[in-house]
Amino acid sequence: MSTIELNIYPEIVDGRHIVVTVSGNREGLIVLAKIISDVALADQTKMPDMESGDHYHIHLHPEDQLSDCSCEVQITRADAKP
């Protein structure tokens, strides 16, 4: 089994444009796709720790889920818990 590699980091181009780069090996990109899918499919109404109006989200941390050259990433549902 190969090591999971996943990098997400911003770059400033021409001193004014921000580009976010997402790169990874096959396994890392599959893990990211699953995380995004899990957030999208989560039933916020069945989450007792969430208050009404809260948005379900997951944090990805450098040196944890992401490589050490990555920045902190938050994946958030746009719709709030009713």
PDB file of N, CA and C in Angstrom:
ATOM      1  N   MET A   1       0.844  -1.184   0.000  1.00  0.00           N
ATOM      2  CA  MET A   1       0.000   0.000   0.000  1.00  0.00           C
ATOM      3  C   MET A   1       0.886   1.242   0.000  1.00  0.00           C
ATOM      4  N   SER A   2       0.543   2.203  -0.828  1.00  0.00           N
ATOM      5  CA  SER A   2       1.386   3.390  -0.930  1.00  0.00           C
ATOM      6  C   SER A   2       0.956   4.449   0.086  1.00  0.00           C
ATOM      7  N   THR A   3       1.867   5.355   0.359  1.00  0.00           N
ATOM      8  CA  THR A   3       1.615   6.448   1.288  1.00  0.00           C
ATOM      9  C   THR A   3       0.651   7.449   0.672  1.00  0.00           C
ATOM     10  N   ILE A   4      -0.262   7.945   1.498  1.00  0.00           N
ATOM     11  CA  ILE A   4      -1.206   8.964   1.025  1.00  0.00           C
ATOM     12  C   ILE A   4      -0.483  10.306   0.983  1.00  0.00           C
ATOM     13  N   GLU A   5      -0.584  10.982  -0.149  1.00  0.00           N
ATOM     14  CA  GLU A   5      -0.005  12.314  -0.306  1.00  0.00           C
ATOM     15  C   GLU A   5      -1.109  13.257  -0.752  1.00  0.00           C
ATOM     16  N   LEU A   6      -1.331  14.312   0.020  1.00  0.00           N
ATOM     17  CA  LEU A   6      -2.344  15.306  -0.310  1.00  0.00           C
ATOM     18  C   LEU A   6      -1.832  16.677   0.100  1.00  0.00           C
ATOM     19  N   ASN A   7      -1.819  17.603  -0.853  1.00  0.00           N
ATOM     20  CA  ASN A   7      -1.323  18.963  -0.635  1.00  0.00           C
ATOM     21  C   ASN A   7      -2.397  19.951  -1.073  1.00  0.00           C
ATOM     22  N   ILE A   8      -2.669  20.931  -0.228  1.00  0.00           N
ATOM     23  CA  ILE A   8      -3.575  22.026  -0.584  1.00  0.00           C
ATOM     24  C   ILE A   8      -2.923  23.298  -0.071  1.00  0.00           C
ATOM     25  N   TYR A   9      -2.624  24.216  -1.000  1.00  0.00           N
ATOM     26  CA  TYR A   9      -1.938  25.436  -0.581  1.00  0.00           C
ATOM     27  C   TYR A   9      -2.255  26.583  -1.540  1.00  0.00           C
ATOM     28  N   PRO A  10      -2.251  27.817  -1.002  1.00  0.00           N
ATOM     29  CA  PRO A  10      -2.481  28.997  -1.837  1.00  0.00           C
ATOM     30  C   PRO A  10      -1.161  29.539  -2.376  1.00  0.00           C
ATOM     31  N   GLU A  11      -1.256  30.216  -3.494  1.00  0.00           N
ATOM     32  CA  GLU A  11      -0.119  30.932  -4.075  1.00  0.00           C
ATOM     33  C   GLU A  11      -0.623  32.302  -4.523  1.00  0.00           C
ATOM     34  N   ILE A  12       0.210  33.305  -4.407  1.00  0.00           N
ATOM     35  CA  ILE A  12      -0.115  34.622  -4.943  1.00  0.00           C
ATOM     36  C   ILE A  12       0.638  34.771  -6.261  1.00  0.00           C
ATOM     37  N   VAL A  13      -0.116  35.016  -7.338  1.00  0.00           N
ATOM     38  CA  VAL A  13       0.450  35.117  -8.681  1.00  0.00           C
ATOM     39  C   VAL A  13       0.397  36.576  -9.120  1.00  0.00           C
ATOM     40  N   ASP A  14       1.482  37.074  -9.638  1.00  0.00           N
ATOM     41  CA  ASP A  14       1.591  38.463 -10.100  1.00  0.00           C
ATOM     42  C   ASP A  14       1.239  39.465  -8.999  1.00  0.00           C
ATOM     43  N   GLY A  15       1.421  39.064  -7.751  1.00  0.00           N
ATOM     44  CA  GLY A  15       1.183  39.960  -6.627  1.00  0.00           C
ATOM     45  C   GLY A  15      -0.262  40.339  -6.396  1.00  0.00           C
ATOM     46  N   ARG A  16      -1.206  39.691  -7.106  1.00  0.00           N
ATOM     47  CA  ARG A  16      -2.605  40.106  -6.934  1.00  0.00           C
ATOM     48  C   ARG A  16      -3.633  38.997  -7.091  1.00  0.00           C
ATOM     49  N   HIS A  17      -3.282  37.899  -7.675  1.00  0.00           N
ATOM     50  CA  HIS A  17      -4.239  36.802  -7.874  1.00  0.00           C
ATOM     51  C   HIS A  17      -3.889  35.648  -6.944  1.00  0.00           C
ATOM     52  N   ILE A  18      -4.893  35.092  -6.310  1.00  0.00           N
ATOM     53  CA  ILE A  18      -4.682  33.929  -5.456  1.00  0.00           C
ATOM     54  C   ILE A  18      -5.104  32.687  -6.216  1.00  0.00           C
ATOM     55  N   VAL A  19      -4.215  31.722  -6.248  1.00  0.00           N
ATOM     56  CA  VAL A  19      -4.475  30.428  -6.869  1.00  0.00           C
ATOM     57  C   VAL A  19      -4.359  29.384  -5.772  1.00  0.00           C
ATOM     58  N   VAL A  20      -5.354  28.515  -5.668  1.00  0.00           N
ATOM     59  CA  VAL A  20      -5.287  27.415  -4.712  1.00  0.00           C
ATOM     60  C   VAL A  20      -4.954  26.147  -5.482  1.00  0.00           C
ATOM     61  N   THR A  21      -3.896  25.497  -5.081  1.00  0.00           N
ATOM     62  CA  THR A  21      -3.463  24.264  -5.727  1.00  0.00           C
ATOM     63  C   THR A  21      -3.836  23.075  -4.851  1.00  0.00           C
ATOM     64  N   VAL A  22      -4.476  22.088  -5.465  1.00  0.00           N
ATOM     65  CA  VAL A  22      -4.788  20.824  -4.808  1.00  0.00           C
ATOM     66  C   VAL A  22      -4.049  19.747  -5.596  1.00  0.00           C
ATOM     67  N   SER A  23      -3.133  19.073  -4.940  1.00  0.00           N
ATOM     68  CA  SER A  23      -2.396  18.015  -5.621  1.00  0.00           C
ATOM     69  C   SER A  23      -2.256  16.828  -4.678  1.00  0.00           C
ATOM     70  N   GLY A  24      -2.135  15.681  -5.268  1.00  0.00           N
ATOM     71  CA  GLY A  24      -1.957  14.490  -4.454  1.00  0.00           C
ATOM     72  C   GLY A  24      -1.773  13.282  -5.333  1.00  0.00           C
ATOM     73  N   ASN A  25      -1.367  12.195  -4.705  1.00  0.00           N
ATOM     74  CA  ASN A  25      -1.301  10.957  -5.452  1.00  0.00           C
ATOM     75  C   ASN A  25      -2.709  10.360  -5.518  1.00  0.00           C
ATOM     76  N   ARG A  26      -2.837   9.247  -6.180  1.00  0.00           N
ATOM     77  CA  ARG A  26      -4.149   8.637  -6.386  1.00  0.00           C
ATOM     78  C   ARG A  26      -4.883   8.448  -5.058  1.00  0.00           C
ATOM     79  N   GLU A  27      -4.213   7.875  -4.091  1.00  0.00           N
ATOM     80  CA  GLU A  27      -4.837   7.593  -2.805  1.00  0.00           C
ATOM     81  C   GLU A  27      -5.252   8.878  -2.084  1.00  0.00           C
ATOM     82  N   GLY A  28      -4.395   9.897  -2.129  1.00  0.00           N
ATOM     83  CA  GLY A  28      -4.710  11.167  -1.476  1.00  0.00           C
ATOM     84  C   GLY A  28      -5.918  11.848  -2.080  1.00  0.00           C
ATOM     85  N   LEU A  29      -6.014  11.832  -3.408  1.00  0.00           N
ATOM     86  CA  LEU A  29      -7.171  12.454  -4.063  1.00  0.00           C
ATOM     87  C   LEU A  29      -8.448  11.668  -3.808  1.00  0.00           C
ATOM     88  N   ILE A  30      -8.335  10.338  -3.693  1.00  0.00           N
ATOM     89  CA  ILE A  30      -9.519   9.524  -3.356  1.00  0.00           C
ATOM     90  C   ILE A  30      -9.989   9.843  -1.934  1.00  0.00           C
ATOM     91  N   VAL A  31      -9.061   9.999  -1.003  1.00  0.00           N
ATOM     92  CA  VAL A  31      -9.418  10.367   0.368  1.00  0.00           C
ATOM     93  C   VAL A  31     -10.111  11.725   0.386  1.00  0.00           C
ATOM     94  N   LEU A  32      -9.585  12.707  -0.339  1.00  0.00           N
ATOM     95  CA  LEU A  32     -10.210  14.028  -0.398  1.00  0.00           C
ATOM     96  C   LEU A  32     -11.615  13.937  -0.988  1.00  0.00           C
ATOM     97  N   ALA A  33     -11.777  13.163  -2.046  1.00  0.00           N
ATOM     98  CA  ALA A  33     -13.102  12.995  -2.661  1.00  0.00           C
ATOM     99  C   ALA A  33     -14.079  12.375  -1.671  1.00  0.00           C
ATOM    100  N   LYS A  34     -13.631  11.411  -0.873  1.00  0.00           N
ATOM    101  CA  LYS A  34     -14.505  10.786   0.124  1.00  0.00           C
ATOM    102  C   LYS A  34     -14.884  11.780   1.214  1.00  0.00           C
ATOM    103  N   ILE A  35     -13.932  12.570   1.662  1.00  0.00           N
ATOM    104  CA  ILE A  35     -14.225  13.586   2.683  1.00  0.00           C
ATOM    105  C   ILE A  35     -15.277  14.560   2.163  1.00  0.00           C
ATOM    106  N   ILE A  36     -15.099  15.046   0.939  1.00  0.00           N
ATOM    107  CA  ILE A  36     -16.064  15.984   0.353  1.00  0.00           C
ATOM    108  C   ILE A  36     -17.425  15.314   0.208  1.00  0.00           C
ATOM    109  N   SER A  37     -17.443  14.073  -0.228  1.00  0.00           N
ATOM    110  CA  SER A  37     -18.696  13.330  -0.364  1.00  0.00           C
ATOM    111  C   SER A  37     -19.376  13.157   0.995  1.00  0.00           C
ATOM    112  N   ASP A  38     -18.611  12.816   2.019  1.00  0.00           N
ATOM    113  CA  ASP A  38     -19.174  12.649   3.359  1.00  0.00           C
ATOM    114  C   ASP A  38     -19.806  13.942   3.866  1.00  0.00           C
ATOM    115  N   VAL A  39     -19.141  15.064   3.639  1.00  0.00           N
ATOM    116  CA  VAL A  39     -19.702  16.355   4.061  1.00  0.00           C
ATOM    117  C   VAL A  39     -20.988  16.642   3.282  1.00  0.00           C
ATOM    118  N   ALA A  40     -20.976  16.374   1.978  1.00  0.00           N
ATOM    119  CA  ALA A  40     -22.147  16.638   1.140  1.00  0.00           C
ATOM    120  C   ALA A  40     -23.334  15.775   1.543  1.00  0.00           C
ATOM    121  N   LEU A  41     -23.083  14.534   1.911  1.00  0.00           N
ATOM    122  CA  LEU A  41     -24.168  13.588   2.194  1.00  0.00           C
ATOM    123  C   LEU A  41     -24.600  13.552   3.662  1.00  0.00           C
ATOM    124  N   ALA A  42     -23.894  14.239   4.526  1.00  0.00           N
ATOM    125  CA  ALA A  42     -24.216  14.216   5.954  1.00  0.00           C
ATOM    126  C   ALA A  42     -25.626  14.746   6.209  1.00  0.00           C
ATOM    127  N   ASP A  43     -26.346  14.065   7.072  1.00  0.00           N
ATOM    128  CA  ASP A  43     -27.694  14.504   7.456  1.00  0.00           C
ATOM    129  C   ASP A  43     -27.562  15.386   8.690  1.00  0.00           C
ATOM    130  N   GLN A  44     -27.536  16.685   8.480  1.00  0.00           N
ATOM    131  CA  GLN A  44     -27.324  17.635   9.569  1.00  0.00           C
ATOM    132  C   GLN A  44     -28.431  17.560  10.617  1.00  0.00           C
ATOM    133  N   THR A  45     -29.619  17.140  10.210  1.00  0.00           N
ATOM    134  CA  THR A  45     -30.743  17.073  11.158  1.00  0.00           C
ATOM    135  C   THR A  45     -30.538  15.982  12.203  1.00  0.00           C
ATOM    136  N   LYS A  46     -29.657  15.020  11.927  1.00  0.00           N
ATOM    137  CA  LYS A  46     -29.406  13.923  12.865  1.00  0.00           C
ATOM    138  C   LYS A  46     -28.118  14.108  13.653  1.00  0.00           C
ATOM    139  N   MET A  47     -27.630  15.338  13.723  1.00  0.00           N
ATOM    140  CA  MET A  47     -26.397  15.629  14.461  1.00  0.00           C
ATOM    141  C   MET A  47     -26.749  16.391  15.732  1.00  0.00           C
ATOM    142  N   PRO A  48     -26.827  15.669  16.863  1.00  0.00           N
ATOM    143  CA  PRO A  48     -27.292  16.301  18.099  1.00  0.00           C
ATOM    144  C   PRO A  48     -26.365  17.385  18.639  1.00  0.00           C
ATOM    145  N   ASP A  49     -25.088  17.341  18.292  1.00  0.00           N
ATOM    146  CA  ASP A  49     -24.138  18.348  18.790  1.00  0.00           C
ATOM    147  C   ASP A  49     -24.215  19.657  18.010  1.00  0.00           C
ATOM    148  N   MET A  50     -24.958  19.658  16.899  1.00  0.00           N
ATOM    149  CA  MET A  50     -25.078  20.872  16.090  1.00  0.00           C
ATOM    150  C   MET A  50     -26.320  21.651  16.483  1.00  0.00           C
ATOM    151  N   GLU A  51     -26.165  22.952  16.611  1.00  0.00           N
ATOM    152  CA  GLU A  51     -27.296  23.850  16.861  1.00  0.00           C
ATOM    153  C   GLU A  51     -27.964  24.201  15.540  1.00  0.00           C
ATOM    154  N   SER A  52     -29.222  24.572  15.587  1.00  0.00           N
ATOM    155  CA  SER A  52     -29.914  25.074  14.402  1.00  0.00           C
ATOM    156  C   SER A  52     -29.155  26.298  13.883  1.00  0.00           C
ATOM    157  N   GLY A  53     -28.928  26.348  12.578  1.00  0.00           N
ATOM    158  CA  GLY A  53     -28.188  27.454  11.971  1.00  0.00           C
ATOM    159  C   GLY A  53     -26.705  27.179  11.793  1.00  0.00           C
ATOM    160  N   ASP A  54     -26.195  26.111  12.434  1.00  0.00           N
ATOM    161  CA  ASP A  54     -24.792  25.740  12.267  1.00  0.00           C
ATOM    162  C   ASP A  54     -24.586  25.071  10.903  1.00  0.00           C
ATOM    163  N   HIS A  55     -23.363  25.120  10.423  1.00  0.00           N
ATOM    164  CA  HIS A  55     -22.981  24.489   9.152  1.00  0.00           C
ATOM    165  C   HIS A  55     -22.035  23.327   9.452  1.00  0.00           C
ATOM    166  N   TYR A  56     -22.357  22.155   8.929  1.00  0.00           N
ATOM    167  CA  TYR A  56     -21.481  21.003   9.107  1.00  0.00           C
ATOM    168  C   TYR A  56     -20.174  21.259   8.368  1.00  0.00           C
ATOM    169  N   HIS A  57     -19.065  20.950   9.018  1.00  0.00           N
ATOM    170  CA  HIS A  57     -17.767  21.187   8.396  1.00  0.00           C
ATOM    171  C   HIS A  57     -16.717  20.238   8.962  1.00  0.00           C
ATOM    172  N   ILE A  58     -15.639  20.112   8.216  1.00  0.00           N
ATOM    173  CA  ILE A  58     -14.499  19.292   8.615  1.00  0.00           C
ATOM    174  C   ILE A  58     -13.235  20.112   8.392  1.00  0.00           C
ATOM    175  N   HIS A  59     -12.317  20.037   9.353  1.00  0.00           N
ATOM    176  CA  HIS A  59     -11.014  20.693   9.224  1.00  0.00           C
ATOM    177  C   HIS A  59      -9.971  19.668   8.785  1.00  0.00           C
ATOM    178  N   LEU A  60      -9.139  20.069   7.856  1.00  0.00           N
ATOM    179  CA  LEU A  60      -7.996  19.259   7.441  1.00  0.00           C
ATOM    180  C   LEU A  60      -6.743  20.007   7.880  1.00  0.00           C
ATOM    181  N   HIS A  61      -5.851  19.313   8.554  1.00  0.00           N
ATOM    182  CA  HIS A  61      -4.685  19.952   9.153  1.00  0.00           C
ATOM    183  C   HIS A  61      -3.382  19.502   8.478  1.00  0.00           C
ATOM    184  N   PRO A  62      -2.442  20.448   8.327  1.00  0.00           N
ATOM    185  CA  PRO A  62      -1.106  20.056   7.868  1.00  0.00           C
ATOM    186  C   PRO A  62      -0.502  19.054   8.857  1.00  0.00           C
ATOM    187  N   GLU A  63       0.279  18.139   8.337  1.00  0.00           N
ATOM    188  CA  GLU A  63       0.947  17.101   9.114  1.00  0.00           C
ATOM    189  C   GLU A  63      -0.033  16.136   9.778  1.00  0.00           C
ATOM    190  N   ASP A  64      -1.316  16.220   9.420  1.00  0.00           N
ATOM    191  CA  ASP A  64      -2.300  15.257   9.910  1.00  0.00           C
ATOM    192  C   ASP A  64      -2.932  14.611   8.674  1.00  0.00           C
ATOM    193  N   GLN A  65      -3.968  15.235   8.109  1.00  0.00           N
ATOM    194  CA  GLN A  65      -4.564  14.739   6.874  1.00  0.00           C
ATOM    195  C   GLN A  65      -3.826  15.255   5.642  1.00  0.00           C
ATOM    196  N   LEU A  66      -3.115  16.368   5.795  1.00  0.00           N
ATOM    197  CA  LEU A  66      -2.426  17.013   4.674  1.00  0.00           C
ATOM    198  C   LEU A  66      -0.920  16.978   4.882  1.00  0.00           C
ATOM    199  N   SER A  67      -0.180  17.179   3.796  1.00  0.00           N
ATOM    200  CA  SER A  67       1.275  17.246   3.921  1.00  0.00           C
ATOM    201  C   SER A  67       1.673  18.501   4.689  1.00  0.00           C
ATOM    202  N   ASP A  68       2.893  18.520   5.176  1.00  0.00           N
ATOM    203  CA  ASP A  68       3.346  19.644   6.003  1.00  0.00           C
ATOM    204  C   ASP A  68       3.486  20.957   5.243  1.00  0.00           C
ATOM    205  N   CYS A  69       3.499  20.920   3.906  1.00  0.00           N
ATOM    206  CA  CYS A  69       3.585  22.165   3.130  1.00  0.00           C
ATOM    207  C   CYS A  69       2.197  22.761   2.843  1.00  0.00           C
ATOM    208  N   SER A  70       1.156  22.097   3.310  1.00  0.00           N
ATOM    209  CA  SER A  70      -0.208  22.568   3.072  1.00  0.00           C
ATOM    210  C   SER A  70      -0.627  23.583   4.124  1.00  0.00           C
ATOM    211  N   CYS A  71      -1.735  24.262   3.844  1.00  0.00           N
ATOM    212  CA  CYS A  71      -2.326  25.165   4.814  1.00  0.00           C
ATOM    213  C   CYS A  71      -3.546  24.492   5.432  1.00  0.00           C
ATOM    214  N   GLU A  72      -4.024  25.026   6.528  1.00  0.00           N
ATOM    215  CA  GLU A  72      -5.263  24.546   7.146  1.00  0.00           C
ATOM    216  C   GLU A  72      -6.396  24.694   6.135  1.00  0.00           C
ATOM    217  N   VAL A  73      -7.246  23.677   6.024  1.00  0.00           N
ATOM    218  CA  VAL A  73      -8.366  23.698   5.075  1.00  0.00           C
ATOM    219  C   VAL A  73      -9.643  23.336   5.821  1.00  0.00           C
ATOM    220  N   GLN A  74     -10.712  24.064   5.537  1.00  0.00           N
ATOM    221  CA  GLN A  74     -12.020  23.757   6.107  1.00  0.00           C
ATOM    222  C   GLN A  74     -12.978  23.485   4.963  1.00  0.00           C
ATOM    223  N   ILE A  75     -13.655  22.337   5.004  1.00  0.00           N
ATOM    224  CA  ILE A  75     -14.669  21.988   4.016  1.00  0.00           C
ATOM    225  C   ILE A  75     -16.010  22.135   4.718  1.00  0.00           C
ATOM    226  N   THR A  76     -16.869  23.025   4.197  1.00  0.00           N
ATOM    227  CA  THR A  76     -18.083  23.417   4.888  1.00  0.00           C
ATOM    228  C   THR A  76     -19.305  23.297   4.007  1.00  0.00           C
ATOM    229  N   ARG A  77     -20.393  22.805   4.579  1.00  0.00           N
ATOM    230  CA  ARG A  77     -21.685  22.813   3.887  1.00  0.00           C
ATOM    231  C   ARG A  77     -22.200  24.252   3.857  1.00  0.00           C
ATOM    232  N   ALA A  78     -22.706  24.681   2.720  1.00  0.00           N
ATOM    233  CA  ALA A  78     -23.247  26.041   2.597  1.00  0.00           C
ATOM    234  C   ALA A  78     -24.607  26.151   3.271  1.00  0.00           C
ATOM    235  N   ASP A  79     -25.368  25.043   3.269  1.00  0.00           N
ATOM    236  CA  ASP A  79     -26.687  25.080   3.898  1.00  0.00           C
ATOM    237  C   ASP A  79     -26.541  24.765   5.390  1.00  0.00           C
ATOM    238  N   ALA A  80     -27.289  25.504   6.197  1.00  0.00           N
ATOM    239  CA  ALA A  80     -27.214  25.346   7.653  1.00  0.00           C
ATOM    240  C   ALA A  80     -28.219  24.305   8.131  1.00  0.00           C
ATOM    241  N   LYS A  81     -27.957  23.796   9.336  1.00  0.00           N
ATOM    242  CA  LYS A  81     -28.894  22.876   9.961  1.00  0.00           C
ATOM    243  C   LYS A  81     -30.188  23.636  10.249  1.00  0.00           C
ATOM    244  N   PRO A  82     -31.317  23.053   9.838  1.00  0.00           N
ATOM    245  CA  PRO A  82     -32.592  23.765  10.083  1.00  0.00           C
ATOM    246  C   PRO A  82     -32.900  23.891  11.569  1.00  0.00           C
TER     247      PRO A  82
END
